[in-house]
Amino acid sequence: MLFISHDLAVAGEVAGRVAVMRAGEIVETGSSRRLLIAPEHGYTRSLLAAVPTLRTDRAHPLAVVR
C-alpha cells in the first residue's frame, strides 16, 4: 500500500517505512520509528520542528520549512 501525507506523525502510525520527499526527490527513507526519533536529513528535521505541540508557545510563529 502507498500512503501519501504531509503529516509525518500520521505516516508513522500507518506505515512501517517512510520516505520523505522534497521537490519531487526522496531525501530520506527509513523505518517510521527511526525517522521520527532520529531524522538524518535537515529537511526531515525541519518538517518535524514545524509541528506544534501542547508546549508550543503560541505567541511565537511556527518554524518555517525551507
Protein backbone atom coordinates (compact mmCIF):
# COMPACT_ATOMS: atom_id res chain seq x y z
CA MET A 1 0.00 0.00 0.00
CA LEU A 2 1.17 3.55 -0.74
CA PHE A 3 0.09 6.24 1.72
CA ILE A 4 0.84 9.90 0.96
CA SER A 5 0.63 12.54 3.67
CA HIS A 6 2.11 15.84 4.78
CA ASP A 7 1.75 14.68 8.39
CA LEU A 8 4.77 12.60 9.44
CA ALA A 9 3.09 11.57 12.70
CA VAL A 10 0.17 10.03 10.80
CA ALA A 11 2.52 8.40 8.30
CA GLY A 12 4.48 6.97 11.22
CA GLU A 13 1.34 5.37 12.62
CA VAL A 14 0.17 3.94 9.30
CA ALA A 15 3.47 2.80 7.77
CA GLY A 16 6.45 0.78 8.88
CA ARG A 17 8.74 2.59 6.42
CA VAL A 18 8.61 6.23 5.37
CA ALA A 19 10.14 8.19 2.51
CA VAL A 20 10.44 11.97 2.85
CA MET A 21 10.31 13.90 -0.41
CA ARG A 22 11.36 17.43 -1.22
CA ALA A 23 10.76 19.00 -4.63
CA GLY A 24 9.90 15.60 -6.10
CA GLU A 25 13.06 13.88 -4.84
CA ILE A 26 13.38 11.41 -1.98
CA VAL A 27 15.71 12.94 0.60
CA GLU A 28 15.44 10.32 3.34
CA THR A 29 13.97 6.86 3.86
CA GLY A 30 13.85 4.56 6.82
CA SER A 31 11.70 2.94 9.45
CA SER A 32 8.98 5.28 10.66
CA ARG A 33 10.28 4.96 14.24
CA ARG A 34 13.84 5.94 13.30
CA LEU A 35 12.71 8.78 11.07
CA LEU A 36 10.55 10.30 13.82
CA ILE A 37 13.11 9.83 16.60
CA ALA A 38 16.43 10.46 14.82
CA PRO A 39 15.99 12.05 11.38
CA GLU A 40 19.25 12.39 9.46
CA HIS A 41 18.33 14.88 6.74
CA GLY A 42 17.93 18.57 7.53
CA TYR A 43 14.65 18.81 5.63
CA THR A 44 13.13 15.98 7.69
CA ARG A 45 14.32 17.68 10.89
CA SER A 46 12.74 20.95 9.67
CA LEU A 47 9.42 19.23 8.98
CA LEU A 48 9.35 17.73 12.46
CA ALA A 49 10.36 21.03 14.10
CA ALA A 50 7.44 22.81 12.40
CA VAL A 51 4.83 20.60 14.09
CA PRO A 52 3.16 22.40 17.01
CA THR A 53 2.84 20.59 20.34
CA LEU A 54 0.90 21.32 23.50
CA ARG A 55 4.04 23.10 24.76
CA THR A 56 4.42 25.31 21.67
CA ASP A 57 4.45 28.98 22.62
CA ARG A 58 1.51 30.40 20.69
CA ALA A 59 2.98 33.91 20.97
CA HIS A 60 5.77 32.94 18.54
CA PRO A 61 5.34 31.90 14.91
CA LEU A 62 5.95 28.27 13.95
CA ALA A 63 9.20 27.27 12.29
CA VAL A 64 9.40 27.83 8.56
CA VAL A 65 10.20 24.77 6.45
CA ARG A 66 12.69 25.60 3.68
